[in-house]
């Protein structure tokens, strides 16, 4: 009995990576943590050693931070829209929290078994993120600026394509006028030759 209490205390002090991720998402959804605000808590040595670096890097990109912030705002607005909705969401959050605490021992053992493969996947994703950030530096820009740049690029591409087509084929109005002039000339030639 004493051994099981020790292991439970040890497990509760060191939650699994899956539980930490779930708690993080729950805190973001509940509005207790703003994903766009920098963390002010001092990092402890060895803390979050089994955490996924790629998720932190992805959430650090402005596009993901903005989307997460928008979802948090929507969740807060819906949750605060009516007293009954607040009560239902509160019960759902408490149920989720209790479920996560209940499954913590199982998820902890699964996470310890999968720690090496998860680190390999995490490293591969981080290498891919490095490559994307080097080749497409605009992923670090705010979403509004990305949208503006894309809009301008597409507009200039279509404008240049349209100008090229105008140079190649001319305006439709000019072609119709040219064909009417050609028809008049052809009729005059027929009159002269007859």
C-alpha atoms as a PDB file:
ATOM      1  CA  UNK A   1       0.000   0.000   0.000  1.00  0.00           C
ATOM      2  CA  UNK A   2       2.818   2.395   0.874  1.00  0.00           C
ATOM      3  CA  UNK A   3       4.554   1.578  -2.416  1.00  0.00           C
ATOM      4  CA  UNK A   4       1.446   2.446  -4.434  1.00  0.00           C
ATOM      5  CA  UNK A   5       1.056   5.747  -2.561  1.00  0.00           C
ATOM      6  CA  UNK A   6       4.676   6.593  -3.365  1.00  0.00           C
ATOM      7  CA  UNK A   7       4.229   5.808  -7.038  1.00  0.00           C
ATOM      8  CA  UNK A   8       0.999   7.832  -7.144  1.00  0.00           C
ATOM      9  CA  UNK A   9       2.740  10.785  -5.519  1.00  0.00           C
ATOM     10  CA  UNK A  10       5.627  10.432  -7.967  1.00  0.00           C
ATOM     11  CA  UNK A  11       3.236  10.272 -10.917  1.00  0.00           C
ATOM     12  CA  UNK A  12       1.248  13.291  -9.749  1.00  0.00           C
ATOM     13  CA  UNK A  13       4.474  15.295  -9.411  1.00  0.00           C
ATOM     14  CA  UNK A  14       5.623  14.302 -12.888  1.00  0.00           C
ATOM     15  CA  UNK A  15       2.644  14.284 -15.279  1.00  0.00           C
ATOM     16  CA  UNK A  16       3.069  12.693 -18.661  1.00  0.00           C
ATOM     17  CA  UNK A  17       3.664  14.680 -21.829  1.00  0.00           C
ATOM     18  CA  UNK A  18       0.173  13.919 -23.089  1.00  0.00           C
ATOM     19  CA  UNK A  19      -1.400  15.217 -19.888  1.00  0.00           C
ATOM     20  CA  UNK A  20       0.760  18.367 -20.024  1.00  0.00           C
ATOM     21  CA  UNK A  21      -0.326  19.011 -23.605  1.00  0.00           C
ATOM     22  CA  UNK A  22      -3.978  18.450 -22.662  1.00  0.00           C
ATOM     23  CA  UNK A  23      -3.673  20.770 -19.651  1.00  0.00           C
ATOM     24  CA  UNK A  24      -2.002  23.372 -21.865  1.00  0.00           C
ATOM     25  CA  UNK A  25      -4.791  23.214 -24.435  1.00  0.00           C
ATOM     26  CA  UNK A  26      -7.408  23.322 -21.693  1.00  0.00           C
ATOM     27  CA  UNK A  27      -5.793  26.394 -20.144  1.00  0.00           C
ATOM     28  CA  UNK A  28      -5.690  28.060 -23.554  1.00  0.00           C
ATOM     29  CA  UNK A  29      -9.358  27.205 -24.171  1.00  0.00           C
ATOM     30  CA  UNK A  30     -10.424  28.364 -20.697  1.00  0.00           C
ATOM     31  CA  UNK A  31      -8.584  31.624 -21.162  1.00  0.00           C
ATOM     32  CA  UNK A  32      -6.244  31.213 -18.220  1.00  0.00           C
ATOM     33  CA  UNK A  33      -3.288  31.438 -20.592  1.00  0.00           C
ATOM     34  CA  UNK A  34      -2.909  33.684 -23.612  1.00  0.00           C
ATOM     35  CA  UNK A  35      -0.888  31.908 -26.348  1.00  0.00           C
ATOM     36  CA  UNK A  36       0.272  35.198 -27.844  1.00  0.00           C
ATOM     37  CA  UNK A  37       1.724  36.482 -24.562  1.00  0.00           C
ATOM     38  CA  UNK A  38       5.289  35.442 -23.774  1.00  0.00           C
ATOM     39  CA  UNK A  39       5.703  33.150 -20.816  1.00  0.00           C
ATOM     40  CA  UNK A  40       6.901  34.982 -17.717  1.00  0.00           C
ATOM     41  CA  UNK A  41       7.376  31.890 -15.539  1.00  0.00           C
ATOM     42  CA  UNK A  42      11.020  30.992 -15.072  1.00  0.00           C
ATOM     43  CA  UNK A  43      11.843  27.668 -16.677  1.00  0.00           C
ATOM     44  CA  UNK A  44      13.066  24.997 -14.299  1.00  0.00           C
ATOM     45  CA  UNK A  45      15.963  22.808 -15.334  1.00  0.00           C
ATOM     46  CA  UNK A  46      14.696  19.503 -16.661  1.00  0.00           C
ATOM     47  CA  UNK A  47      11.102  20.701 -16.743  1.00  0.00           C
ATOM     48  CA  UNK A  48       9.181  19.536 -19.762  1.00  0.00           C
ATOM     49  CA  UNK A  49      12.061  17.332 -20.847  1.00  0.00           C
ATOM     50  CA  UNK A  50       9.667  15.010 -22.646  1.00  0.00           C
ATOM     51  CA  UNK A  51       7.681  17.834 -24.231  1.00  0.00           C
ATOM     52  CA  UNK A  52       7.502  18.294 -27.965  1.00  0.00           C
ATOM     53  CA  UNK A  53       9.605  21.226 -29.146  1.00  0.00           C
ATOM     54  CA  UNK A  54       7.814  21.280 -32.510  1.00  0.00           C
ATOM     55  CA  UNK A  55       4.468  22.191 -30.903  1.00  0.00           C
ATOM     56  CA  UNK A  56       6.041  25.122 -29.087  1.00  0.00           C
ATOM     57  CA  UNK A  57       7.698  26.278 -32.302  1.00  0.00           C
ATOM     58  CA  UNK A  58       4.488  25.944 -34.297  1.00  0.00           C
ATOM     59  CA  UNK A  59       2.505  27.850 -31.684  1.00  0.00           C
ATOM     60  CA  UNK A  60       5.217  30.518 -31.758  1.00  0.00           C
ATOM     61  CA  UNK A  61       4.557  31.248 -35.446  1.00  0.00           C
ATOM     62  CA  UNK A  62       2.350  34.334 -35.834  1.00  0.00           C
ATOM     63  CA  UNK A  63      -0.261  32.538 -37.967  1.00  0.00           C
ATOM     64  CA  UNK A  64      -0.831  29.783 -35.397  1.00  0.00           C
ATOM     65  CA  UNK A  65      -0.725  32.231 -32.492  1.00  0.00           C
ATOM     66  CA  UNK A  66      -3.373  34.379 -34.174  1.00  0.00           C
ATOM     67  CA  UNK A  67      -5.600  31.386 -34.950  1.00  0.00           C
ATOM     68  CA  UNK A  68      -5.243  30.079 -31.386  1.00  0.00           C
ATOM     69  CA  UNK A  69      -6.022  33.520 -30.019  1.00  0.00           C
ATOM     70  CA  UNK A  70      -9.113  33.759 -32.241  1.00  0.00           C
ATOM     71  CA  UNK A  71     -10.349  30.374 -31.034  1.00  0.00           C
ATOM     72  CA  UNK A  72      -9.721  31.409 -27.427  1.00  0.00           C
ATOM     73  CA  UNK A  73     -11.694  34.591 -27.957  1.00  0.00           C
ATOM     74  CA  UNK A  74     -14.545  32.660 -29.552  1.00  0.00           C
ATOM     75  CA  UNK A  75     -14.541  30.147 -26.699  1.00  0.00           C
ATOM     76  CA  UNK A  76     -14.629  32.953 -24.117  1.00  0.00           C
ATOM     77  CA  UNK A  77     -17.450  34.693 -25.976  1.00  0.00           C
ATOM     78  CA  UNK A  78     -19.536  31.532 -26.242  1.00  0.00           C
ATOM     79  CA  UNK A  79     -18.785  30.503 -22.668  1.00  0.00           C
ATOM     80  CA  UNK A  80     -19.806  33.905 -21.341  1.00  0.00           C
ATOM     81  CA  UNK A  81     -22.844  34.251 -23.592  1.00  0.00           C
ATOM     82  CA  UNK A  82     -25.319  32.765 -21.138  1.00  0.00           C
ATOM     83  CA  UNK A  83     -25.320  31.433 -17.607  1.00  0.00           C
ATOM     84  CA  UNK A  84     -26.427  27.969 -18.684  1.00  0.00           C
ATOM     85  CA  UNK A  85     -23.667  27.771 -21.296  1.00  0.00           C
ATOM     86  CA  UNK A  86     -21.148  28.797 -18.647  1.00  0.00           C
ATOM     87  CA  UNK A  87     -22.419  26.052 -16.346  1.00  0.00           C
ATOM     88  CA  UNK A  88     -22.311  23.405 -19.093  1.00  0.00           C
ATOM     89  CA  UNK A  89     -18.806  24.418 -20.157  1.00  0.00           C
ATOM     90  CA  UNK A  90     -17.672  24.468 -16.514  1.00  0.00           C
ATOM     91  CA  UNK A  91     -18.923  20.912 -16.003  1.00  0.00           C
ATOM     92  CA  UNK A  92     -17.280  19.814 -19.262  1.00  0.00           C
ATOM     93  CA  UNK A  93     -13.966  21.369 -18.203  1.00  0.00           C
ATOM     94  CA  UNK A  94     -14.155  19.739 -14.769  1.00  0.00           C
ATOM     95  CA  UNK A  95     -14.964  16.390 -16.389  1.00  0.00           C
ATOM     96  CA  UNK A  96     -12.039  16.765 -18.761  1.00  0.00           C
ATOM     97  CA  UNK A  97      -9.742  17.646 -15.880  1.00  0.00           C
ATOM     98  CA  UNK A  98     -10.910  14.620 -13.858  1.00  0.00           C
ATOM     99  CA  UNK A  99     -10.535  12.350 -16.881  1.00  0.00           C
ATOM    100  CA  UNK A 100      -7.002  13.577 -17.484  1.00  0.00           C
ATOM    101  CA  UNK A 101      -6.072  13.003 -13.857  1.00  0.00           C
ATOM    102  CA  UNK A 102      -7.600   9.510 -13.975  1.00  0.00           C
ATOM    103  CA  UNK A 103      -5.741   8.519 -17.157  1.00  0.00           C
ATOM    104  CA  UNK A 104      -2.465  10.124 -16.112  1.00  0.00           C
ATOM    105  CA  UNK A 105      -0.805   6.858 -14.948  1.00  0.00           C
ATOM    106  CA  UNK A 106      -1.654   5.089 -18.208  1.00  0.00           C
ATOM    107  CA  UNK A 107      -0.634   7.974 -20.429  1.00  0.00           C
ATOM    108  CA  UNK A 108       2.564   8.357 -18.414  1.00  0.00           C
ATOM    109  CA  UNK A 109       3.589   4.773 -19.064  1.00  0.00           C
ATOM    110  CA  UNK A 110       2.659   5.047 -22.743  1.00  0.00           C
ATOM    111  CA  UNK A 111       4.624   8.279 -23.040  1.00  0.00           C
ATOM    112  CA  UNK A 112       7.685   6.694 -21.427  1.00  0.00           C
ATOM    113  CA  UNK A 113       7.477   3.786 -23.895  1.00  0.00           C
ATOM    114  CA  UNK A 114       7.142   6.135 -26.866  1.00  0.00           C
ATOM    115  CA  UNK A 115       9.636   8.728 -25.663  1.00  0.00           C
ATOM    116  CA  UNK A 116      12.416   7.787 -28.110  1.00  0.00           C
ATOM    117  CA  UNK A 117      10.185   7.562 -31.227  1.00  0.00           C
ATOM    118  CA  UNK A 118       8.461  10.813 -30.257  1.00  0.00           C
ATOM    119  CA  UNK A 119      11.841  12.564 -29.910  1.00  0.00           C
ATOM    120  CA  UNK A 120      12.828  11.303 -33.377  1.00  0.00           C
ATOM    121  CA  UNK A 121       9.557  12.604 -34.839  1.00  0.00           C
ATOM    122  CA  UNK A 122       9.970  15.889 -32.952  1.00  0.00           C
ATOM    123  CA  UNK A 123      13.501  16.353 -34.292  1.00  0.00           C
ATOM    124  CA  UNK A 124      12.372  15.568 -37.855  1.00  0.00           C
ATOM    125  CA  UNK A 125       9.537  18.085 -37.620  1.00  0.00           C
ATOM    126  CA  UNK A 126      11.918  20.710 -36.206  1.00  0.00           C
ATOM    127  CA  UNK A 127      14.323  20.135 -39.107  1.00  0.00           C
ATOM    128  CA  UNK A 128      11.381  20.562 -41.494  1.00  0.00           C
ATOM    129  CA  UNK A 129      10.362  23.770 -39.716  1.00  0.00           C
ATOM    130  CA  UNK A 130      13.925  25.056 -40.019  1.00  0.00           C
ATOM    131  CA  UNK A 131      13.838  24.352 -43.753  1.00  0.00           C
ATOM    132  CA  UNK A 132      10.462  26.066 -44.167  1.00  0.00           C
ATOM    133  CA  UNK A 133      11.598  29.104 -42.170  1.00  0.00           C
ATOM    134  CA  UNK A 134      14.754  29.400 -44.300  1.00  0.00           C
ATOM    135  CA  UNK A 135      13.076  28.954 -47.678  1.00  0.00           C
ATOM    136  CA  UNK A 136       9.849  30.847 -46.873  1.00  0.00           C
ATOM    137  CA  UNK A 137      10.761  33.587 -44.404  1.00  0.00           C
ATOM    138  CA  UNK A 138       7.299  35.116 -44.741  1.00  0.00           C
ATOM    139  CA  UNK A 139       5.899  32.454 -42.357  1.00  0.00           C
ATOM    140  CA  UNK A 140       7.304  34.613 -39.561  1.00  0.00           C
ATOM    141  CA  UNK A 141       5.209  37.620 -40.673  1.00  0.00           C
ATOM    142  CA  UNK A 142       1.844  38.522 -39.140  1.00  0.00           C
ATOM    143  CA  UNK A 143      -1.171  37.053 -40.995  1.00  0.00           C
ATOM    144  CA  UNK A 144      -2.400  40.446 -42.202  1.00  0.00           C
ATOM    145  CA  UNK A 145       0.923  41.171 -43.843  1.00  0.00           C
ATOM    146  CA  UNK A 146       1.044  37.695 -45.420  1.00  0.00           C
ATOM    147  CA  UNK A 147      -2.450  38.266 -46.838  1.00  0.00           C
ATOM    148  CA  UNK A 148      -1.491  41.679 -48.218  1.00  0.00           C
ATOM    149  CA  UNK A 149       1.683  40.323 -49.824  1.00  0.00           C
ATOM    150  CA  UNK A 150      -0.189  37.416 -51.418  1.00  0.00           C
ATOM    151  CA  UNK A 151      -2.946  39.704 -52.682  1.00  0.00           C
ATOM    152  CA  UNK A 152      -0.413  42.070 -54.248  1.00  0.00           C
ATOM    153  CA  UNK A 153       1.532  39.187 -55.808  1.00  0.00           C
ATOM    154  CA  UNK A 154      -1.570  37.624 -57.331  1.00  0.00           C
ATOM    155  CA  UNK A 155      -2.800  40.995 -58.574  1.00  0.00           C
ATOM    156  CA  UNK A 156       0.531  41.789 -60.257  1.00  0.00           C
ATOM    157  CA  UNK A 157       0.707  38.290 -61.774  1.00  0.00           C
ATOM    158  CA  UNK A 158      -2.766  38.596 -63.319  1.00  0.00           C
ATOM    159  CA  UNK A 159      -2.120  42.163 -64.439  1.00  0.00           C
ATOM    160  CA  UNK A 160       1.071  41.163 -66.242  1.00  0.00           C
ATOM    161  CA  UNK A 161      -0.668  38.148 -67.809  1.00  0.00           C
ATOM    162  CA  UNK A 162      -3.516  40.374 -68.999  1.00  0.00           C
ATOM    163  CA  UNK A 163      -1.075  42.901 -70.481  1.00  0.00           C
ATOM    164  CA  UNK A 164       0.744  40.092 -72.280  1.00  0.00           C
ATOM    165  CA  UNK A 165      -2.518  38.785 -73.717  1.00  0.00           C
ATOM    166  CA  UNK A 166      -3.478  42.300 -74.828  1.00  0.00           C
ATOM    167  CA  UNK A 167      -0.152  42.656 -76.614  1.00  0.00           C
ATOM    168  CA  UNK A 168      -0.522  39.274 -78.302  1.00  0.00           C
ATOM    169  CA  UNK A 169      -4.158  39.427 -79.321  1.00  0.00           C
ATOM    170  CA  UNK A 170      -5.071  43.095 -79.023  1.00  0.00           C
ATOM    171  CA  UNK A 171      -8.251  44.428 -77.574  1.00  0.00           C
ATOM    172  CA  UNK A 172     -11.482  42.694 -78.739  1.00  0.00           C
ATOM    173  CA  UNK A 173     -12.911  46.092 -79.706  1.00  0.00           C
ATOM    174  CA  UNK A 174      -9.918  46.755 -82.000  1.00  0.00           C
ATOM    175  CA  UNK A 175     -10.304  43.331 -83.626  1.00  0.00           C
ATOM    176  CA  UNK A 176     -13.996  43.986 -84.333  1.00  0.00           C
ATOM    177  CA  UNK A 177     -13.235  47.405 -85.825  1.00  0.00           C
ATOM    178  CA  UNK A 178     -10.411  45.927 -87.901  1.00  0.00           C
ATOM    179  CA  UNK A 179     -12.710  43.197 -89.207  1.00  0.00           C
ATOM    180  CA  UNK A 180     -15.393  45.771 -90.166  1.00  0.00           C
ATOM    181  CA  UNK A 181     -12.774  47.838 -92.013  1.00  0.00           C
ATOM    182  CA  UNK A 182     -11.590  44.681 -93.748  1.00  0.00           C
ATOM    183  CA  UNK A 183     -15.173  43.811 -94.764  1.00  0.00           C
ATOM    184  CA  UNK A 184     -15.692  47.308 -96.216  1.00  0.00           C
ATOM    185  CA  UNK A 185     -12.429  47.038 -98.139  1.00  0.00           C
ATOM    186  CA  UNK A 186     -13.378  43.593 -99.410  1.00  0.00           C
ATOM    187  CA  UNK A 187     -16.780  44.885-100.581  1.00  0.00           C
ATOM    188  CA  UNK A 188     -15.104  47.779-102.411  1.00  0.00           C
ATOM    189  CA  UNK A 189     -12.728  45.382-104.127  1.00  0.00           C
ATOM    190  CA  UNK A 190     -15.653  43.180-105.202  1.00  0.00           C
ATOM    191  CA  UNK A 191     -17.501  46.242-106.627  1.00  0.00           C
ATOM    192  CA  UNK A 192     -14.429  47.332-108.563  1.00  0.00           C
ATOM    193  CA  UNK A 193     -13.724  43.869-109.916  1.00  0.00           C
ATOM    194  CA  UNK A 194     -17.319  43.292-111.004  1.00  0.00           C
END
